[in-house]
C-alpha cells in the first residue's frame, strides 16, 4: 500500500512524485505526462487534481520545450 511521500512510474513512462494515502495520490504532488508533454503541480484528492495547482502543456516541437499553455487556479 502506497502511503506517504514517494514516486510512481507508470508503464507509459509517465510518473508522479508526491504524497500518497490509501494507494491514491493525495496532498501535494507533481504529475509528469511524458507521453503528452504535460505537467501538473499542486493538490490532489483521491487521485484527482483538486484545489490549487498549475497545469502546463509544453511544446514538444522545440529542443528547449517552450511553454505553450498554462492554467493556474483551482480545480
PDB file of N, CA and C in Angstrom:
ATOM      1  N   UNK A   1       0.844  -1.175   0.000  1.00  0.00           N
ATOM      2  CA  UNK A   1       0.000   0.000   0.000  1.00  0.00           C
ATOM      3  C   UNK A   1       0.891   1.241   0.000  1.00  0.00           C
ATOM      4  N   UNK A   2       0.605   2.137  -0.947  1.00  0.00           N
ATOM      5  CA  UNK A   2       1.367   3.384  -1.021  1.00  0.00           C
ATOM      6  C   UNK A   2       0.812   4.371   0.008  1.00  0.00           C
ATOM      7  N   UNK A   3       1.727   4.904   0.846  1.00  0.00           N
ATOM      8  CA  UNK A   3       1.340   5.872   1.884  1.00  0.00           C
ATOM      9  C   UNK A   3       2.558   6.728   2.196  1.00  0.00           C
ATOM     10  N   UNK A   4       2.375   8.062   2.194  1.00  0.00           N
ATOM     11  CA  UNK A   4       3.495   8.972   2.449  1.00  0.00           C
ATOM     12  C   UNK A   4       4.094   9.457   1.141  1.00  0.00           C
ATOM     13  N   UNK A   5       5.273  10.061   1.224  1.00  0.00           N
ATOM     14  CA  UNK A   5       5.939  10.592   0.034  1.00  0.00           C
ATOM     15  C   UNK A   5       6.570   9.475  -0.774  1.00  0.00           C
ATOM     16  N   UNK A   6       6.471   9.601  -2.105  1.00  0.00           N
ATOM     17  CA  UNK A   6       7.080   8.601  -2.967  1.00  0.00           C
ATOM     18  C   UNK A   6       6.931   8.942  -4.429  1.00  0.00           C
ATOM     19  N   UNK A   7       7.467   8.066  -5.245  1.00  0.00           N
ATOM     20  CA  UNK A   7       7.412   8.242  -6.704  1.00  0.00           C
ATOM     21  C   UNK A   7       6.867   6.967  -7.330  1.00  0.00           C
ATOM     22  N   UNK A   8       5.962   7.156  -8.280  1.00  0.00           N
ATOM     23  CA  UNK A   8       5.388   6.039  -9.028  1.00  0.00           C
ATOM     24  C   UNK A   8       5.626   6.293 -10.509  1.00  0.00           C
ATOM     25  N   UNK A   9       6.272   5.352 -11.181  1.00  0.00           N
ATOM     26  CA  UNK A   9       6.482   5.443 -12.619  1.00  0.00           C
ATOM     27  C   UNK A   9       5.574   4.420 -13.277  1.00  0.00           C
ATOM     28  N   UNK A  10       4.788   4.880 -14.221  1.00  0.00           N
ATOM     29  CA  UNK A  10       3.826   4.037 -14.911  1.00  0.00           C
ATOM     30  C   UNK A  10       4.466   3.417 -16.154  1.00  0.00           C
ATOM     31  N   UNK A  11       3.858   2.382 -16.701  1.00  0.00           N
ATOM     32  CA  UNK A  11       4.394   1.667 -17.865  1.00  0.00           C
ATOM     33  C   UNK A  11       4.595   2.591 -19.066  1.00  0.00           C
ATOM     34  N   UNK A  12       3.807   3.653 -19.153  1.00  0.00           N
ATOM     35  CA  UNK A  12       3.912   4.601 -20.267  1.00  0.00           C
ATOM     36  C   UNK A  12       5.125   5.516 -20.152  1.00  0.00           C
ATOM     37  N   UNK A  13       5.753   5.541 -18.969  1.00  0.00           N
ATOM     38  CA  UNK A  13       6.855   6.467 -18.710  1.00  0.00           C
ATOM     39  C   UNK A  13       6.400   7.676 -17.921  1.00  0.00           C
ATOM     40  N   UNK A  14       5.086   7.901 -17.848  1.00  0.00           N
ATOM     41  CA  UNK A  14       4.546   8.983 -17.026  1.00  0.00           C
ATOM     42  C   UNK A  14       4.869   8.678 -15.568  1.00  0.00           C
ATOM     43  N   UNK A  15       5.021   9.733 -14.745  1.00  0.00           N
ATOM     44  CA  UNK A  15       5.309   9.471 -13.342  1.00  0.00           C
ATOM     45  C   UNK A  15       4.747  10.561 -12.430  1.00  0.00           C
ATOM     46  N   UNK A  16       4.536  10.168 -11.186  1.00  0.00           N
ATOM     47  CA  UNK A  16       4.004  11.044 -10.134  1.00  0.00           C
ATOM     48  C   UNK A  16       4.991  11.043  -8.979  1.00  0.00           C
ATOM     49  N   UNK A  17       5.275  12.242  -8.456  1.00  0.00           N
ATOM     50  CA  UNK A  17       6.107  12.397  -7.267  1.00  0.00           C
ATOM     51  C   UNK A  17       5.324  13.218  -6.261  1.00  0.00           C
ATOM     52  N   UNK A  18       5.105  12.654  -5.080  1.00  0.00           N
ATOM     53  CA  UNK A  18       4.374  13.399  -4.074  1.00  0.00           C
ATOM     54  C   UNK A  18       3.789  12.501  -3.008  1.00  0.00           C
ATOM     55  N   UNK A  19       2.737  12.986  -2.387  1.00  0.00           N
ATOM     56  CA  UNK A  19       2.131  12.303  -1.261  1.00  0.00           C
ATOM     57  C   UNK A  19       1.077  11.286  -1.701  1.00  0.00           C
ATOM     58  N   UNK A  20       1.035  10.167  -0.979  1.00  0.00           N
ATOM     59  CA  UNK A  20       0.070   9.093  -1.212  1.00  0.00           C
ATOM     60  C   UNK A  20      -0.686   8.813   0.080  1.00  0.00           C
ATOM     61  N   UNK A  21      -1.954   8.460  -0.044  1.00  0.00           N
ATOM     62  CA  UNK A  21      -2.760   7.971   1.071  1.00  0.00           C
ATOM     63  C   UNK A  21      -3.688   6.895   0.529  1.00  0.00           C
ATOM     64  N   UNK A  22      -3.721   5.746   1.176  1.00  0.00           N
ATOM     65  CA  UNK A  22      -4.578   4.634   0.745  1.00  0.00           C
ATOM     66  C   UNK A  22      -4.388   4.270  -0.723  1.00  0.00           C
ATOM     67  N   UNK A  23      -3.136   4.234  -1.180  1.00  0.00           N
ATOM     68  CA  UNK A  23      -2.812   3.877  -2.566  1.00  0.00           C
ATOM     69  C   UNK A  23      -3.269   4.905  -3.596  1.00  0.00           C
ATOM     70  N   UNK A  24      -3.637   6.107  -3.158  1.00  0.00           N
ATOM     71  CA  UNK A  24      -4.110   7.150  -4.077  1.00  0.00           C
ATOM     72  C   UNK A  24      -3.274   8.414  -3.906  1.00  0.00           C
ATOM     73  N   UNK A  25      -3.177   9.190  -4.997  1.00  0.00           N
ATOM     74  CA  UNK A  25      -2.495  10.485  -4.919  1.00  0.00           C
ATOM     75  C   UNK A  25      -3.361  11.400  -4.051  1.00  0.00           C
ATOM     76  N   UNK A  26      -2.798  11.861  -2.953  1.00  0.00           N
ATOM     77  CA  UNK A  26      -3.495  12.758  -2.024  1.00  0.00           C
ATOM     78  C   UNK A  26      -2.484  13.734  -1.440  1.00  0.00           C
ATOM     79  N   UNK A  27      -2.882  14.997  -1.353  1.00  0.00           N
ATOM     80  CA  UNK A  27      -1.954  16.014  -0.848  1.00  0.00           C
ATOM     81  C   UNK A  27      -1.196  16.646  -1.994  1.00  0.00           C
ATOM     82  N   UNK A  28      -0.035  17.205  -1.709  1.00  0.00           N
ATOM     83  CA  UNK A  28       0.747  17.896  -2.739  1.00  0.00           C
ATOM     84  C   UNK A  28       1.560  16.906  -3.548  1.00  0.00           C
ATOM     85  N   UNK A  29       1.587  17.133  -4.875  1.00  0.00           N
ATOM     86  CA  UNK A  29       2.381  16.274  -5.742  1.00  0.00           C
ATOM     87  C   UNK A  29       2.531  16.854  -7.128  1.00  0.00           C
ATOM     88  N   UNK A  30       3.409  16.229  -7.893  1.00  0.00           N
ATOM     89  CA  UNK A  30       3.692  16.642  -9.269  1.00  0.00           C
ATOM     90  C   UNK A  30       3.505  15.425 -10.169  1.00  0.00           C
ATOM     91  N   UNK A  31       2.699  15.590 -11.203  1.00  0.00           N
ATOM     92  CA  UNK A  31       2.480  14.529 -12.190  1.00  0.00           C
ATOM     93  C   UNK A  31       3.080  14.968 -13.505  1.00  0.00           C
ATOM     94  N   UNK A  32       3.907  14.109 -14.096  1.00  0.00           N
ATOM     95  CA  UNK A  32       4.523  14.370 -15.389  1.00  0.00           C
ATOM     96  C   UNK A  32       3.949  13.392 -16.395  1.00  0.00           C
ATOM     97  N   UNK A  33       3.309  13.917 -17.428  1.00  0.00           N
ATOM     98  CA  UNK A  33       2.818  13.093 -18.527  1.00  0.00           C
ATOM     99  C   UNK A  33       3.846  13.203 -19.646  1.00  0.00           C
ATOM    100  N   UNK A  34       4.777  12.281 -19.683  1.00  0.00           N
ATOM    101  CA  UNK A  34       5.841  12.289 -20.680  1.00  0.00           C
ATOM    102  C   UNK A  34       5.256  12.092 -22.073  1.00  0.00           C
ATOM    103  N   UNK A  35       4.219  11.285 -22.159  1.00  0.00           N
ATOM    104  CA  UNK A  35       3.616  10.954 -23.448  1.00  0.00           C
ATOM    105  C   UNK A  35       2.944  12.155 -24.114  1.00  0.00           C
ATOM    106  N   UNK A  36       2.466  13.122 -23.327  1.00  0.00           N
ATOM    107  CA  UNK A  36       1.777  14.290 -23.909  1.00  0.00           C
ATOM    108  C   UNK A  36       2.434  15.612 -23.529  1.00  0.00           C
ATOM    109  N   UNK A  37       3.626  15.571 -22.917  1.00  0.00           N
ATOM    110  CA  UNK A  37       4.370  16.772 -22.528  1.00  0.00           C
ATOM    111  C   UNK A  37       3.552  17.703 -21.647  1.00  0.00           C
ATOM    112  N   UNK A  38       2.962  17.147 -20.593  1.00  0.00           N
ATOM    113  CA  UNK A  38       2.189  17.926 -19.626  1.00  0.00           C
ATOM    114  C   UNK A  38       2.778  17.747 -18.238  1.00  0.00           C
ATOM    115  N   UNK A  39       2.518  18.753 -17.385  1.00  0.00           N
ATOM    116  CA  UNK A  39       2.976  18.693 -16.008  1.00  0.00           C
ATOM    117  C   UNK A  39       1.957  19.402 -15.125  1.00  0.00           C
ATOM    118  N   UNK A  40       1.568  18.750 -14.037  1.00  0.00           N
ATOM    119  CA  UNK A  40       0.679  19.364 -13.049  1.00  0.00           C
ATOM    120  C   UNK A  40       1.383  19.373 -11.708  1.00  0.00           C
ATOM    121  N   UNK A  41       1.419  20.552 -11.089  1.00  0.00           N
ATOM    122  CA  UNK A  41       1.977  20.714  -9.746  1.00  0.00           C
ATOM    123  C   UNK A  41       0.885  21.290  -8.875  1.00  0.00           C
ATOM    124  N   UNK A  42       0.543  20.587  -7.798  1.00  0.00           N
ATOM    125  CA  UNK A  42      -0.498  21.107  -6.928  1.00  0.00           C
ATOM    126  C   UNK A  42      -1.095  20.044  -6.044  1.00  0.00           C
ATOM    127  N   UNK A  43      -2.318  20.291  -5.638  1.00  0.00           N
ATOM    128  CA  UNK A  43      -3.003  19.425  -4.696  1.00  0.00           C
ATOM    129  C   UNK A  43      -3.779  18.320  -5.404  1.00  0.00           C
ATOM    130  N   UNK A  44      -3.853  17.167  -4.744  1.00  0.00           N
ATOM    131  CA  UNK A  44      -4.578  16.004  -5.234  1.00  0.00           C
ATOM    132  C   UNK A  44      -5.515  15.499  -4.153  1.00  0.00           C
ATOM    133  N   UNK A  45      -6.689  15.020  -4.539  1.00  0.00           N
ATOM    134  CA  UNK A  45      -7.624  14.355  -3.637  1.00  0.00           C
ATOM    135  C   UNK A  45      -8.174  13.137  -4.363  1.00  0.00           C
ATOM    136  N   UNK A  46      -7.968  11.957  -3.780  1.00  0.00           N
ATOM    137  CA  UNK A  46      -8.493  10.712  -4.353  1.00  0.00           C
ATOM    138  C   UNK A  46      -8.096  10.531  -5.825  1.00  0.00           C
ATOM    139  N   UNK A  47      -6.826  10.753  -6.138  1.00  0.00           N
ATOM    140  CA  UNK A  47      -6.266  10.587  -7.490  1.00  0.00           C
ATOM    141  C   UNK A  47      -6.678  11.663  -8.491  1.00  0.00           C
ATOM    142  N   UNK A  48      -7.364  12.711  -8.056  1.00  0.00           N
ATOM    143  CA  UNK A  48      -7.790  13.782  -8.965  1.00  0.00           C
ATOM    144  C   UNK A  48      -7.145  15.105  -8.596  1.00  0.00           C
ATOM    145  N   UNK A  49      -6.852  15.916  -9.617  1.00  0.00           N
ATOM    146  CA  UNK A  49      -6.372  17.260  -9.361  1.00  0.00           C
ATOM    147  C   UNK A  49      -7.482  18.012  -8.630  1.00  0.00           C
ATOM    148  N   UNK A  50      -7.154  18.559  -7.453  1.00  0.00           N
ATOM    149  CA  UNK A  50      -8.184  19.187  -6.629  1.00  0.00           C
ATOM    150  C   UNK A  50      -7.556  20.289  -5.792  1.00  0.00           C
ATOM    151  N   UNK A  51      -8.228  21.433  -5.729  1.00  0.00           N
ATOM    152  CA  UNK A  51      -7.651  22.563  -5.002  1.00  0.00           C
ATOM    153  C   UNK A  51      -6.791  23.379  -5.937  1.00  0.00           C
ATOM    154  N   UNK A  52      -5.811  24.074  -5.397  1.00  0.00           N
ATOM    155  CA  UNK A  52      -4.978  24.975  -6.191  1.00  0.00           C
ATOM    156  C   UNK A  52      -3.845  24.214  -6.861  1.00  0.00           C
ATOM    157  N   UNK A  53      -3.594  24.555  -8.132  1.00  0.00           N
ATOM    158  CA  UNK A  53      -2.498  23.920  -8.846  1.00  0.00           C
ATOM    159  C   UNK A  53      -2.194  24.597 -10.169  1.00  0.00           C
ATOM    160  N   UNK A  54      -1.115  24.161 -10.779  1.00  0.00           N
ATOM    161  CA  UNK A  54      -0.673  24.681 -12.067  1.00  0.00           C
ATOM    162  C   UNK A  54      -0.513  23.520 -13.032  1.00  0.00           C
ATOM    163  N   UNK A  55      -1.202  23.600 -14.160  1.00  0.00           N
ATOM    164  CA  UNK A  55      -1.097  22.580 -15.203  1.00  0.00           C
ATOM    165  C   UNK A  55      -0.512  23.260 -16.433  1.00  0.00           C
ATOM    166  N   UNK A  56       0.577  22.702 -16.959  1.00  0.00           N
ATOM    167  CA  UNK A  56       1.191  23.284 -18.152  1.00  0.00           C
ATOM    168  C   UNK A  56       1.286  22.230 -19.251  1.00  0.00           C
ATOM    169  N   UNK A  57       1.186  22.699 -20.459  1.00  0.00           N
ATOM    170  CA  UNK A  57       1.348  21.883 -21.654  1.00  0.00           C
ATOM    171  C   UNK A  57       2.581  22.415 -22.356  1.00  0.00           C
ATOM    172  N   UNK A  58       3.559  21.566 -22.623  1.00  0.00           N
ATOM    173  CA  UNK A  58       4.816  22.001 -23.215  1.00  0.00           C
ATOM    174  C   UNK A  58       4.823  21.741 -24.708  1.00  0.00           C
ATOM    175  N   UNK A  59       5.525  22.583 -25.431  1.00  0.00           N
ATOM    176  CA  UNK A  59       5.650  22.444 -26.877  1.00  0.00           C
ATOM    177  C   UNK A  59       6.765  21.445 -27.171  1.00  0.00           C
ATOM    178  N   UNK A  60       6.423  20.302 -27.680  1.00  0.00           N
ATOM    179  CA  UNK A  60       7.421  19.262 -27.944  1.00  0.00           C
ATOM    180  C   UNK A  60       8.177  19.497 -29.248  1.00  0.00           C
ATOM    181  N   UNK A  61       7.784  20.504 -30.013  1.00  0.00           N
ATOM    182  CA  UNK A  61       8.409  20.762 -31.298  1.00  0.00           C
ATOM    183  C   UNK A  61       9.728  21.500 -31.210  1.00  0.00           C
ATOM    184  N   UNK A  62      10.123  21.928 -30.009  1.00  0.00           N
ATOM    185  CA  UNK A  62      11.381  22.646 -29.868  1.00  0.00           C
ATOM    186  C   UNK A  62      12.281  21.929 -28.874  1.00  0.00           C
ATOM    187  N   UNK A  63      13.557  22.151 -29.008  1.00  0.00           N
ATOM    188  CA  UNK A  63      14.511  21.471 -28.132  1.00  0.00           C
ATOM    189  C   UNK A  63      14.468  22.001 -26.709  1.00  0.00           C
ATOM    190  N   UNK A  64      14.050  23.269 -26.518  1.00  0.00           N
ATOM    191  CA  UNK A  64      14.038  23.839 -25.163  1.00  0.00           C
ATOM    192  C   UNK A  64      12.660  23.785 -24.521  1.00  0.00           C
ATOM    193  N   UNK A  65      11.701  23.075 -25.103  1.00  0.00           N
ATOM    194  CA  UNK A  65      10.380  22.836 -24.509  1.00  0.00           C
ATOM    195  C   UNK A  65       9.695  24.131 -24.056  1.00  0.00           C
ATOM    196  N   UNK A  66       9.527  25.056 -24.933  1.00  0.00           N
ATOM    197  CA  UNK A  66       8.884  26.326 -24.601  1.00  0.00           C
ATOM    198  C   UNK A  66       7.450  26.124 -24.136  1.00  0.00           C
ATOM    199  N   UNK A  67       7.053  26.926 -23.190  1.00  0.00           N
ATOM    200  CA  UNK A  67       5.698  26.860 -22.659  1.00  0.00           C
ATOM    201  C   UNK A  67       4.696  27.233 -23.736  1.00  0.00           C
ATOM    202  N   UNK A  68       3.676  26.423 -23.881  1.00  0.00           N
ATOM    203  CA  UNK A  68       2.630  26.709 -24.849  1.00  0.00           C
ATOM    204  C   UNK A  68       1.365  27.185 -24.147  1.00  0.00           C
ATOM    205  N   UNK A  69       0.882  26.446 -23.159  1.00  0.00           N
ATOM    206  CA  UNK A  69      -0.337  26.785 -22.435  1.00  0.00           C
ATOM    207  C   UNK A  69      -0.129  26.560 -20.956  1.00  0.00           C
ATOM    208  N   UNK A  70      -0.859  27.319 -20.144  1.00  0.00           N
ATOM    209  CA  UNK A  70      -0.746  27.185 -18.693  1.00  0.00           C
ATOM    210  C   UNK A  70      -2.079  27.536 -18.054  1.00  0.00           C
ATOM    211  N   UNK A  71      -2.480  26.726 -17.079  1.00  0.00           N
ATOM    212  CA  UNK A  71      -3.629  27.044 -16.251  1.00  0.00           C
ATOM    213  C   UNK A  71      -3.155  27.100 -14.810  1.00  0.00           C
ATOM    214  N   UNK A  72      -3.414  28.221 -14.146  1.00  0.00           N
ATOM    215  CA  UNK A  72      -3.080  28.386 -12.732  1.00  0.00           C
ATOM    216  C   UNK A  72      -4.362  28.736 -12.016  1.00  0.00           C
ATOM    217  N   UNK A  73      -4.784  27.898 -11.084  1.00  0.00           N
ATOM    218  CA  UNK A  73      -6.020  28.177 -10.373  1.00  0.00           C
ATOM    219  C   UNK A  73      -6.533  26.972  -9.643  1.00  0.00           C
ATOM    220  N   UNK A  74      -7.828  26.999  -9.405  1.00  0.00           N
ATOM    221  CA  UNK A  74      -8.472  25.949  -8.610  1.00  0.00           C
ATOM    222  C   UNK A  74      -9.145  24.915  -9.503  1.00  0.00           C
ATOM    223  N   UNK A  75      -9.074  23.675  -9.069  1.00  0.00           N
ATOM    224  CA  UNK A  75      -9.695  22.551  -9.785  1.00  0.00           C
ATOM    225  C   UNK A  75     -10.890  22.096  -8.995  1.00  0.00           C
TER     226      UNK A  75
END
